[in-house]
Amino acid sequence: MKRTIMIGIIFAAVIGFLVVPASGAFADAGSRASCMGHEASSVSPPGSSDEIPGGMHQFTQLIREEFPSVPAGAIYSTIARLHEGSHEACDAALE
C-alpha cells in the first residue's frame, strides 16, 4: 500500500513538472544583500540587463579585462564587502 502511494506521488510530481510551463527566474538581491549580490541579480539571467547583457559571464570577463594585474578574487571580495542597499547605490559607491 505505501509503495503504491509513493509511486502515485512521484507520478503526480513528474506530470506536474511536465504540465506547468517553465519560466525564467529573475533574481532579486533584496536590500540586505552585498553589492556583489546586487550586481549579480541585476544582470541575471543573461539578456535581462542593458548594462551587461551577457550576464555574470560577461561581468567576470569585464573584470579580468579592466583589471588584468589585480586578482579577480580581490575585486569580488571588495564588491562583496559593500552593503549599500541597492544596485544604483552600489554603482555609485564603486565609481
C-alpha atoms as a PDB file:
ATOM      1  CA  MET A   1       0.000   0.000   0.000  1.00  0.00           C
ATOM      2  CA  LYS A   2       2.753   2.506   0.938  1.00  0.00           C
ATOM      3  CA  ARG A   3       4.645   1.684  -2.246  1.00  0.00           C
ATOM      4  CA  THR A   4       1.562   2.394  -4.357  1.00  0.00           C
ATOM      5  CA  ILE A   5       1.080   5.766  -2.647  1.00  0.00           C
ATOM      6  CA  MET A   6       4.751   6.673  -3.145  1.00  0.00           C
ATOM      7  CA  ILE A   7       4.567   5.754  -6.850  1.00  0.00           C
ATOM      8  CA  GLY A   8       1.422   7.882  -7.165  1.00  0.00           C
ATOM      9  CA  ILE A   9       3.135  10.870  -5.556  1.00  0.00           C
ATOM     10  CA  ILE A  10       6.182  10.555  -7.803  1.00  0.00           C
ATOM     11  CA  PHE A  11       3.963  10.172 -10.874  1.00  0.00           C
ATOM     12  CA  ALA A  12       1.960  13.275  -9.911  1.00  0.00           C
ATOM     13  CA  ALA A  13       5.162  15.285  -9.385  1.00  0.00           C
ATOM     14  CA  VAL A  14       6.564  14.272 -12.758  1.00  0.00           C
ATOM     15  CA  ILE A  15       3.295  15.114 -14.515  1.00  0.00           C
ATOM     16  CA  GLY A  16       3.209  18.441 -12.660  1.00  0.00           C
ATOM     17  CA  PHE A  17       6.686  19.357 -13.882  1.00  0.00           C
ATOM     18  CA  LEU A  18       5.754  18.448 -17.447  1.00  0.00           C
ATOM     19  CA  VAL A  19       2.419  20.273 -17.482  1.00  0.00           C
ATOM     20  CA  VAL A  20       3.350  23.513 -15.704  1.00  0.00           C
ATOM     21  CA  PRO A  21       5.186  25.804 -18.134  1.00  0.00           C
ATOM     22  CA  ALA A  22       8.681  26.807 -17.115  1.00  0.00           C
ATOM     23  CA  SER A  23       9.528  30.482 -16.976  1.00  0.00           C
ATOM     24  CA  GLY A  24      12.760  32.351 -16.438  1.00  0.00           C
ATOM     25  CA  ALA A  25      13.619  33.164 -12.862  1.00  0.00           C
ATOM     26  CA  PHE A  26      14.649  36.713 -12.166  1.00  0.00           C
ATOM     27  CA  ALA A  27      16.806  37.209  -9.134  1.00  0.00           C
ATOM     28  CA  ASP A  28      16.136  39.893  -6.540  1.00  0.00           C
ATOM     29  CA  ALA A  29      19.013  40.555  -4.199  1.00  0.00           C
ATOM     30  CA  GLY A  30      16.955  42.420  -1.594  1.00  0.00           C
ATOM     31  CA  SER A  31      18.043  45.395   0.482  1.00  0.00           C
ATOM     32  CA  ARG A  32      20.384  43.441   2.798  1.00  0.00           C
ATOM     33  CA  ALA A  33      22.457  41.866   0.023  1.00  0.00           C
ATOM     34  CA  SER A  34      26.047  42.766  -0.686  1.00  0.00           C
ATOM     35  CA  CYS A  35      26.873  44.825  -3.731  1.00  0.00           C
ATOM     36  CA  MET A  36      28.102  41.626  -5.399  1.00  0.00           C
ATOM     37  CA  GLY A  37      24.620  40.174  -4.873  1.00  0.00           C
ATOM     38  CA  HIS A  38      23.008  43.305  -6.295  1.00  0.00           C
ATOM     39  CA  GLU A  39      25.289  43.213  -9.324  1.00  0.00           C
ATOM     40  CA  ALA A  40      24.666  39.523  -9.942  1.00  0.00           C
ATOM     41  CA  SER A  41      20.900  39.862  -9.615  1.00  0.00           C
ATOM     42  CA  SER A  42      20.761  42.916 -11.859  1.00  0.00           C
ATOM     43  CA  VAL A  43      22.481  41.139 -14.764  1.00  0.00           C
ATOM     44  CA  SER A  44      20.804  37.734 -14.325  1.00  0.00           C
ATOM     45  CA  PRO A  45      19.546  35.982 -16.330  1.00  0.00           C
ATOM     46  CA  PRO A  46      21.703  36.873 -19.338  1.00  0.00           C
ATOM     47  CA  GLY A  47      19.883  39.208 -21.686  1.00  0.00           C
ATOM     48  CA  SER A  48      17.881  40.916 -18.950  1.00  0.00           C
ATOM     49  CA  SER A  49      20.254  43.870 -18.497  1.00  0.00           C
ATOM     50  CA  ASP A  50      21.175  46.634 -20.932  1.00  0.00           C
ATOM     51  CA  GLU A  51      24.236  47.396 -18.792  1.00  0.00           C
ATOM     52  CA  ILE A  52      25.767  43.907 -19.096  1.00  0.00           C
ATOM     53  CA  PRO A  53      23.621  41.832 -21.488  1.00  0.00           C
ATOM     54  CA  GLY A  54      25.884  38.776 -21.238  1.00  0.00           C
ATOM     55  CA  GLY A  55      25.089  38.273 -17.549  1.00  0.00           C
ATOM     56  CA  MET A  56      27.627  37.206 -14.950  1.00  0.00           C
ATOM     57  CA  HIS A  57      29.847  35.577 -17.572  1.00  0.00           C
ATOM     58  CA  GLN A  58      30.302  38.968 -19.247  1.00  0.00           C
ATOM     59  CA  PHE A  59      30.713  40.657 -15.851  1.00  0.00           C
ATOM     60  CA  THR A  60      33.596  38.367 -14.845  1.00  0.00           C
ATOM     61  CA  GLN A  61      35.180  38.784 -18.280  1.00  0.00           C
ATOM     62  CA  LEU A  62      34.919  42.577 -17.927  1.00  0.00           C
ATOM     63  CA  ILE A  63      36.645  42.450 -14.533  1.00  0.00           C
ATOM     64  CA  ARG A  64      39.537  40.414 -15.985  1.00  0.00           C
ATOM     65  CA  GLU A  65      39.922  42.802 -18.942  1.00  0.00           C
ATOM     66  CA  GLU A  66      39.657  46.049 -16.955  1.00  0.00           C
ATOM     67  CA  PHE A  67      41.956  44.992 -14.106  1.00  0.00           C
ATOM     68  CA  PRO A  68      44.410  42.442 -15.535  1.00  0.00           C
ATOM     69  CA  SER A  69      47.046  42.930 -12.825  1.00  0.00           C
ATOM     70  CA  VAL A  70      44.632  42.530  -9.889  1.00  0.00           C
ATOM     71  CA  PRO A  71      43.422  39.071  -8.836  1.00  0.00           C
ATOM     72  CA  ALA A  72      39.724  38.804  -9.662  1.00  0.00           C
ATOM     73  CA  GLY A  73      39.024  37.398  -6.187  1.00  0.00           C
ATOM     74  CA  ALA A  74      40.306  40.617  -4.599  1.00  0.00           C
ATOM     75  CA  ILE A  75      37.887  42.651  -6.693  1.00  0.00           C
ATOM     76  CA  TYR A  76      34.924  40.377  -5.973  1.00  0.00           C
ATOM     77  CA  SER A  77      35.780  40.453  -2.260  1.00  0.00           C
ATOM     78  CA  THR A  78      35.861  44.249  -2.255  1.00  0.00           C
ATOM     79  CA  ILE A  79      32.500  44.449  -4.009  1.00  0.00           C
ATOM     80  CA  ALA A  80      31.005  41.824  -1.683  1.00  0.00           C
ATOM     81  CA  ARG A  81      32.042  43.771   1.439  1.00  0.00           C
ATOM     82  CA  LEU A  82      29.867  46.715   0.420  1.00  0.00           C
ATOM     83  CA  HIS A  83      26.241  46.709   1.517  1.00  0.00           C
ATOM     84  CA  GLU A  84      24.804  49.892   0.041  1.00  0.00           C
ATOM     85  CA  GLY A  85      21.172  48.749  -0.189  1.00  0.00           C
ATOM     86  CA  SER A  86      20.514  48.893  -3.931  1.00  0.00           C
ATOM     87  CA  HIS A  87      22.173  48.312  -7.261  1.00  0.00           C
ATOM     88  CA  GLU A  88      22.243  52.031  -8.017  1.00  0.00           C
ATOM     89  CA  ALA A  89      23.835  52.874  -4.649  1.00  0.00           C
ATOM     90  CA  CYS A  90      26.427  50.150  -5.194  1.00  0.00           C
ATOM     91  CA  ASP A  91      27.286  51.530  -8.633  1.00  0.00           C
ATOM     92  CA  ALA A  92      27.702  54.995  -7.117  1.00  0.00           C
ATOM     93  CA  ALA A  93      29.933  53.658  -4.323  1.00  0.00           C
ATOM     94  CA  LEU A  94      32.153  51.845  -6.812  1.00  0.00           C
ATOM     95  CA  GLU A  95      32.677  54.807  -9.164  1.00  0.00           C
END
